[in-house]
């Protein structure tokens, strides 16, 4: 109870701070920085990586069964604001290859570590959404010298979802559904009431990859990744998330108040990025600006 009150107090204070400083965030230029592609070898994996912009490096890790395209809008905004955005496609998606059988979070974190070592040449800010923030936290635990700070979007792990939602998510990942049933499930699982999935979320699912990622959940104990090492961390949490329940983010902030900043986003579910893109970008840019100064 005390931890919960402390976490809620932290949220209130942090929101007030962000309201005060968002107006100071550097404005994005009207032109998008040039894009290039690189191939990085990471042990048994070969990763296709997209890069844009120059400046402090920011590495992105997408959610379960999804590709880096989910970060198109956010990464473009950060590149325009003066950062270098680095987007490695996960194993099994796009041009990235590598074993999926018997993997753990540590294997996938090693992939991202190889990308940072090869392309960033200095510690990077790492942004992970959903499953991606589990890999980001594992990366910060296993390779702390490569991570400057974490940004976690939809941070679950400790507080379980309801039995009904667990059943629905399992059905979504493991069953063959009609287009109509799948779209209905996407709305129920990932989006807050009244928020409609964009076309990019009706499509872009990689179910074989997702099933391998789901299997890696049970092979990687919570204690090995929950804390995210000792890294400074921003948690951006949808208040209507029924998959990664907001109580997870509040517990993380209460457990590590000296280094974890929590901001809750109203009228956003688990998808978060397509639901409240401008608010999420403002919060992240404000945090980067406050913690590190202008890029």
Protein backbone atom coordinates (compact mmCIF):
# COMPACT_ATOMS: atom_id res chain seq x y z
CA UNK A 1 0.00 0.00 0.00
CA UNK A 2 2.81 2.43 0.90
CA UNK A 3 4.65 1.61 -2.33
CA UNK A 4 1.48 2.20 -4.33
CA UNK A 5 0.90 5.61 -2.74
CA UNK A 6 4.53 6.52 -3.27
CA UNK A 7 4.35 5.54 -6.94
CA UNK A 8 1.15 7.54 -7.48
CA UNK A 9 2.76 10.56 -5.83
CA UNK A 10 5.75 10.18 -8.12
CA UNK A 11 3.44 10.13 -11.15
CA UNK A 12 1.72 13.36 -10.07
CA UNK A 13 4.99 15.19 -9.46
CA UNK A 14 6.55 14.01 -12.70
CA UNK A 15 3.53 14.98 -14.76
CA UNK A 16 3.69 18.49 -13.35
CA UNK A 17 7.39 18.70 -14.21
CA UNK A 18 6.78 17.55 -17.77
CA UNK A 19 3.98 20.05 -18.34
CA UNK A 20 6.40 22.80 -17.34
CA UNK A 21 9.23 21.72 -19.64
CA UNK A 22 7.53 20.32 -22.75
CA UNK A 23 7.31 23.82 -24.22
CA UNK A 24 11.14 23.98 -24.09
CA UNK A 25 11.65 20.90 -26.27
CA UNK A 26 13.57 21.72 -29.45
CA UNK A 27 11.36 21.99 -32.52
CA UNK A 28 11.75 19.43 -35.28
CA UNK A 29 12.95 20.60 -38.67
CA UNK A 30 10.53 20.22 -41.59
CA UNK A 31 12.79 17.81 -43.50
CA UNK A 32 13.40 14.20 -42.56
CA UNK A 33 17.10 13.21 -42.27
CA UNK A 34 18.46 10.85 -44.89
CA UNK A 35 18.08 7.14 -44.22
CA UNK A 36 20.65 4.41 -44.70
CA UNK A 37 20.76 0.67 -44.04
CA UNK A 38 23.48 -1.45 -42.50
CA UNK A 39 23.96 -5.16 -41.82
CA UNK A 40 25.33 -6.16 -38.41
CA UNK A 41 26.47 -9.65 -37.51
CA UNK A 42 25.67 -10.64 -33.93
CA UNK A 43 26.91 -14.16 -33.22
CA UNK A 44 24.49 -16.51 -35.01
CA UNK A 45 22.22 -13.62 -36.03
CA UNK A 46 22.44 -11.19 -38.93
CA UNK A 47 20.51 -7.97 -38.38
CA UNK A 48 19.21 -5.45 -40.86
CA UNK A 49 19.48 -2.00 -39.31
CA UNK A 50 17.96 1.30 -40.44
CA UNK A 51 19.64 4.56 -39.40
CA UNK A 52 18.60 8.19 -39.74
CA UNK A 53 19.98 11.46 -38.49
CA UNK A 54 23.08 12.45 -36.54
CA UNK A 55 23.76 13.08 -32.89
CA UNK A 56 23.25 11.14 -29.67
CA UNK A 57 22.26 7.56 -30.59
CA UNK A 58 18.81 6.17 -29.79
CA UNK A 59 18.15 2.47 -30.40
CA UNK A 60 14.62 1.07 -30.77
CA UNK A 61 13.30 -2.41 -29.93
CA UNK A 62 9.73 -3.18 -31.12
CA UNK A 63 6.99 -5.10 -29.37
CA UNK A 64 6.16 -8.79 -29.58
CA UNK A 65 5.80 -10.04 -33.13
CA UNK A 66 6.20 -6.55 -34.58
CA UNK A 67 8.86 -4.84 -36.70
CA UNK A 68 10.62 -1.51 -36.47
CA UNK A 69 7.99 0.09 -38.69
CA UNK A 70 5.94 0.72 -35.54
CA UNK A 71 8.50 3.39 -34.66
CA UNK A 72 8.36 5.22 -38.01
CA UNK A 73 6.66 8.34 -36.67
CA UNK A 74 8.45 8.54 -33.33
CA UNK A 75 11.91 7.81 -34.75
CA UNK A 76 11.41 10.40 -37.48
CA UNK A 77 10.49 13.03 -34.88
CA UNK A 78 13.57 12.21 -32.82
CA UNK A 79 15.84 12.28 -35.87
CA UNK A 80 14.43 15.66 -36.85
CA UNK A 81 15.09 16.88 -33.31
CA UNK A 82 18.79 16.15 -33.69
CA UNK A 83 19.32 12.54 -32.60
CA UNK A 84 20.63 9.55 -34.52
CA UNK A 85 17.95 6.86 -34.58
CA UNK A 86 19.04 3.25 -34.95
CA UNK A 87 16.37 0.64 -35.71
CA UNK A 88 17.49 -3.02 -35.80
CA UNK A 89 14.88 -5.37 -37.21
CA UNK A 90 14.40 -8.34 -34.82
CA UNK A 91 15.46 -11.85 -35.82
CA UNK A 92 13.05 -13.39 -38.27
CA UNK A 93 11.60 -10.08 -39.51
CA UNK A 94 12.55 -8.29 -42.74
CA UNK A 95 16.19 -8.84 -43.59
CA UNK A 96 17.16 -10.04 -40.11
CA UNK A 97 17.87 -13.72 -39.56
CA UNK A 98 18.99 -15.94 -36.71
CA UNK A 99 17.94 -18.91 -34.59
CA UNK A 100 14.55 -18.61 -32.86
CA UNK A 101 14.44 -22.01 -31.18
CA UNK A 102 15.32 -22.10 -27.46
CA UNK A 103 16.19 -18.39 -27.32
CA UNK A 104 16.13 -16.29 -24.15
CA UNK A 105 15.94 -12.55 -23.57
CA UNK A 106 19.72 -12.62 -23.20
CA UNK A 107 20.17 -13.83 -26.78
CA UNK A 108 18.03 -11.03 -28.16
CA UNK A 109 19.70 -8.45 -25.92
CA UNK A 110 23.07 -9.60 -27.31
CA UNK A 111 21.77 -8.80 -30.80
CA UNK A 112 21.08 -5.21 -29.76
CA UNK A 113 24.41 -4.99 -27.96
CA UNK A 114 26.20 -5.91 -31.20
CA UNK A 115 24.29 -3.16 -33.03
CA UNK A 116 25.29 -0.53 -30.46
CA UNK A 117 28.92 -1.65 -30.51
CA UNK A 118 29.02 -1.66 -34.31
CA UNK A 119 27.06 1.49 -35.15
CA UNK A 120 26.81 3.79 -32.15
CA UNK A 121 30.38 3.82 -30.86
CA UNK A 122 29.11 5.10 -27.48
CA UNK A 123 26.37 4.27 -24.96
CA UNK A 124 22.89 4.69 -26.43
CA UNK A 125 19.45 5.59 -25.18
CA UNK A 126 17.34 2.46 -25.71
CA UNK A 127 13.59 2.67 -26.34
CA UNK A 128 11.61 -0.56 -26.05
CA UNK A 129 7.89 -1.16 -26.46
CA UNK A 130 6.11 -4.09 -24.74
CA UNK A 131 8.32 -7.18 -25.30
CA UNK A 132 10.96 -4.76 -26.57
CA UNK A 133 11.26 -3.12 -23.17
CA UNK A 134 11.91 -6.53 -21.61
CA UNK A 135 14.83 -6.92 -24.01
CA UNK A 136 15.92 -3.35 -23.27
CA UNK A 137 15.99 -4.07 -19.54
CA UNK A 138 17.91 -7.29 -20.14
CA UNK A 139 20.39 -5.34 -22.28
CA UNK A 140 20.91 -2.79 -19.49
CA UNK A 141 21.46 -5.64 -17.00
CA UNK A 142 23.83 -7.65 -19.21
CA UNK A 143 25.68 -4.80 -20.96
CA UNK A 144 25.41 -1.71 -18.72
CA UNK A 145 28.36 0.01 -20.44
CA UNK A 146 26.34 0.18 -23.69
CA UNK A 147 23.17 1.80 -22.28
CA UNK A 148 22.96 5.48 -21.38
CA UNK A 149 19.30 5.37 -20.33
CA UNK A 150 16.11 3.41 -20.97
CA UNK A 151 12.71 4.49 -22.24
CA UNK A 152 10.12 1.79 -21.55
CA UNK A 153 6.74 1.89 -23.29
CA UNK A 154 4.06 -0.37 -21.73
CA UNK A 155 6.16 -1.92 -18.99
CA UNK A 156 4.74 -5.23 -17.77
CA UNK A 157 6.23 -8.28 -16.16
CA UNK A 158 5.30 -8.51 -12.48
CA UNK A 159 1.55 -7.94 -12.14
CA UNK A 160 -0.36 -10.48 -14.25
CA UNK A 161 -3.24 -9.57 -16.55
CA UNK A 162 -6.70 -10.95 -15.89
CA UNK A 163 -7.43 -14.63 -16.69
CA UNK A 164 -9.83 -13.48 -19.43
CA UNK A 165 -7.15 -11.31 -21.05
CA UNK A 166 -4.56 -14.06 -20.72
CA UNK A 167 -6.90 -16.43 -22.54
CA UNK A 168 -7.58 -13.87 -25.27
CA UNK A 169 -3.91 -13.05 -25.84
CA UNK A 170 -2.99 -16.72 -26.02
CA UNK A 171 -5.73 -17.26 -28.58
CA UNK A 172 -4.50 -14.25 -30.55
CA UNK A 173 -0.91 -15.49 -30.76
CA UNK A 174 -1.48 -19.21 -31.05
CA UNK A 175 -4.66 -19.62 -33.15
CA UNK A 176 -5.62 -19.08 -36.75
CA UNK A 177 -8.29 -16.38 -36.71
CA UNK A 178 -10.41 -14.86 -39.43
CA UNK A 179 -9.58 -11.27 -40.37
CA UNK A 180 -12.72 -10.07 -38.59
CA UNK A 181 -11.97 -12.00 -35.39
CA UNK A 182 -8.33 -10.91 -35.41
CA UNK A 183 -9.27 -7.26 -35.80
CA UNK A 184 -11.75 -7.59 -32.95
CA UNK A 185 -9.03 -9.13 -30.79
CA UNK A 186 -6.57 -6.36 -31.70
CA UNK A 187 -9.06 -3.76 -30.51
CA UNK A 188 -9.72 -5.60 -27.25
CA UNK A 189 -6.10 -6.41 -26.43
CA UNK A 190 -4.05 -3.49 -27.63
CA UNK A 191 -6.25 -0.39 -27.83
CA UNK A 192 -8.17 1.68 -25.30
CA UNK A 193 -11.94 1.92 -25.75
CA UNK A 194 -12.78 4.21 -28.64
CA UNK A 195 -9.30 4.06 -30.21
CA UNK A 196 -9.36 2.37 -33.61
CA UNK A 197 -6.31 0.46 -34.86
CA UNK A 198 -4.64 2.04 -37.92
CA UNK A 199 -4.06 -0.11 -40.97
CA UNK A 200 -0.46 -0.69 -39.87
CA UNK A 201 -1.77 -2.48 -36.77
CA UNK A 202 -4.29 -4.54 -38.69
CA UNK A 203 -1.25 -5.89 -40.51
CA UNK A 204 2.47 -6.24 -39.77
CA UNK A 205 2.20 -9.26 -37.47
CA UNK A 206 4.94 -11.92 -37.44
CA UNK A 207 3.37 -14.81 -35.57
CA UNK A 208 6.24 -17.31 -35.85
CA UNK A 209 8.57 -14.73 -34.32
CA UNK A 210 5.99 -13.88 -31.67
CA UNK A 211 5.62 -17.50 -30.65
CA UNK A 212 9.39 -17.83 -30.25
CA UNK A 213 9.43 -14.65 -28.19
CA UNK A 214 6.58 -15.95 -26.02
CA UNK A 215 8.54 -19.15 -25.43
CA UNK A 216 11.54 -17.07 -24.33
CA UNK A 217 9.40 -15.53 -21.55
CA UNK A 218 9.48 -18.73 -19.49
CA UNK A 219 13.20 -19.26 -20.09
CA UNK A 220 14.18 -15.86 -18.67
CA UNK A 221 13.43 -15.34 -14.96
CA UNK A 222 11.93 -12.01 -13.96
CA UNK A 223 14.81 -11.26 -11.58
CA UNK A 224 17.24 -11.27 -14.52
CA UNK A 225 15.64 -8.30 -16.27
CA UNK A 226 12.93 -6.57 -14.18
CA UNK A 227 15.18 -3.86 -12.68
CA UNK A 228 16.92 -2.90 -15.91
CA UNK A 229 20.28 -2.93 -14.19
CA UNK A 230 20.97 0.39 -12.49
CA UNK A 231 20.14 2.54 -15.51
CA UNK A 232 18.19 5.79 -15.49
CA UNK A 233 14.75 4.96 -16.84
CA UNK A 234 11.67 6.71 -18.18
CA UNK A 235 8.49 4.62 -18.15
CA UNK A 236 5.67 5.81 -20.42
CA UNK A 237 2.52 3.91 -19.55
CA UNK A 238 -0.96 3.87 -21.07
CA UNK A 239 -3.50 4.19 -18.29
CA UNK A 240 -5.96 1.82 -20.02
CA UNK A 241 -3.42 -0.91 -20.77
CA UNK A 242 -5.00 -4.31 -20.06
CA UNK A 243 -1.93 -6.32 -21.09
CA UNK A 244 0.93 -4.60 -19.24
CA UNK A 245 -1.18 -3.35 -16.37
CA UNK A 246 -0.27 0.15 -15.09
CA UNK A 247 0.43 -1.30 -11.65
CA UNK A 248 3.62 -2.81 -13.12
CA UNK A 249 4.98 0.62 -14.00
CA UNK A 250 3.96 2.01 -10.62
CA UNK A 251 5.76 -0.79 -8.81
CA UNK A 252 8.90 -0.21 -10.87
CA UNK A 253 8.83 3.51 -10.02
CA UNK A 254 8.20 2.78 -6.33
CA UNK A 255 10.99 0.21 -6.16
CA UNK A 256 13.60 2.46 -7.79
CA UNK A 257 12.43 6.05 -7.14
CA UNK A 258 15.93 7.50 -7.42
CA UNK A 259 16.29 6.52 -11.09
CA UNK A 260 12.86 5.65 -12.54
CA UNK A 261 10.56 8.38 -13.84
CA UNK A 262 6.96 7.39 -14.58
CA UNK A 263 4.55 9.25 -16.84
CA UNK A 264 1.06 7.86 -17.41
CA UNK A 265 -0.75 8.68 -20.66
CA UNK A 266 -4.55 8.98 -20.50
CA UNK A 267 -6.80 7.30 -23.08
CA UNK A 268 -4.08 4.92 -24.23
CA UNK A 269 -3.90 1.15 -24.08
CA UNK A 270 -1.11 -1.28 -24.80
CA UNK A 271 -0.45 -0.05 -28.34
CA UNK A 272 0.24 3.46 -26.98
CA UNK A 273 2.30 4.71 -29.95
CA UNK A 274 -0.48 4.84 -32.57
CA UNK A 275 -3.01 5.89 -29.91
CA UNK A 276 -1.26 8.96 -28.49
CA UNK A 277 1.73 9.61 -30.80
CA UNK A 278 2.14 13.33 -30.13
CA UNK A 279 1.89 12.99 -26.36
CA UNK A 280 4.36 10.10 -26.27
CA UNK A 281 6.85 12.02 -28.44
CA UNK A 282 6.57 15.14 -26.28
CA UNK A 283 7.17 13.19 -23.08
CA UNK A 284 10.21 11.39 -24.52
CA UNK A 285 11.74 14.54 -26.01
CA UNK A 286 11.19 16.43 -22.77
CA UNK A 287 12.91 13.66 -20.79
CA UNK A 288 15.87 13.53 -23.19
CA UNK A 289 16.16 17.31 -23.13
CA UNK A 290 16.00 17.48 -19.34
CA UNK A 291 18.37 14.57 -18.66
CA UNK A 292 21.04 15.30 -21.23
CA UNK A 293 20.53 18.81 -22.53
CA UNK A 294 20.03 19.65 -26.21
CA UNK A 295 21.62 17.10 -28.55
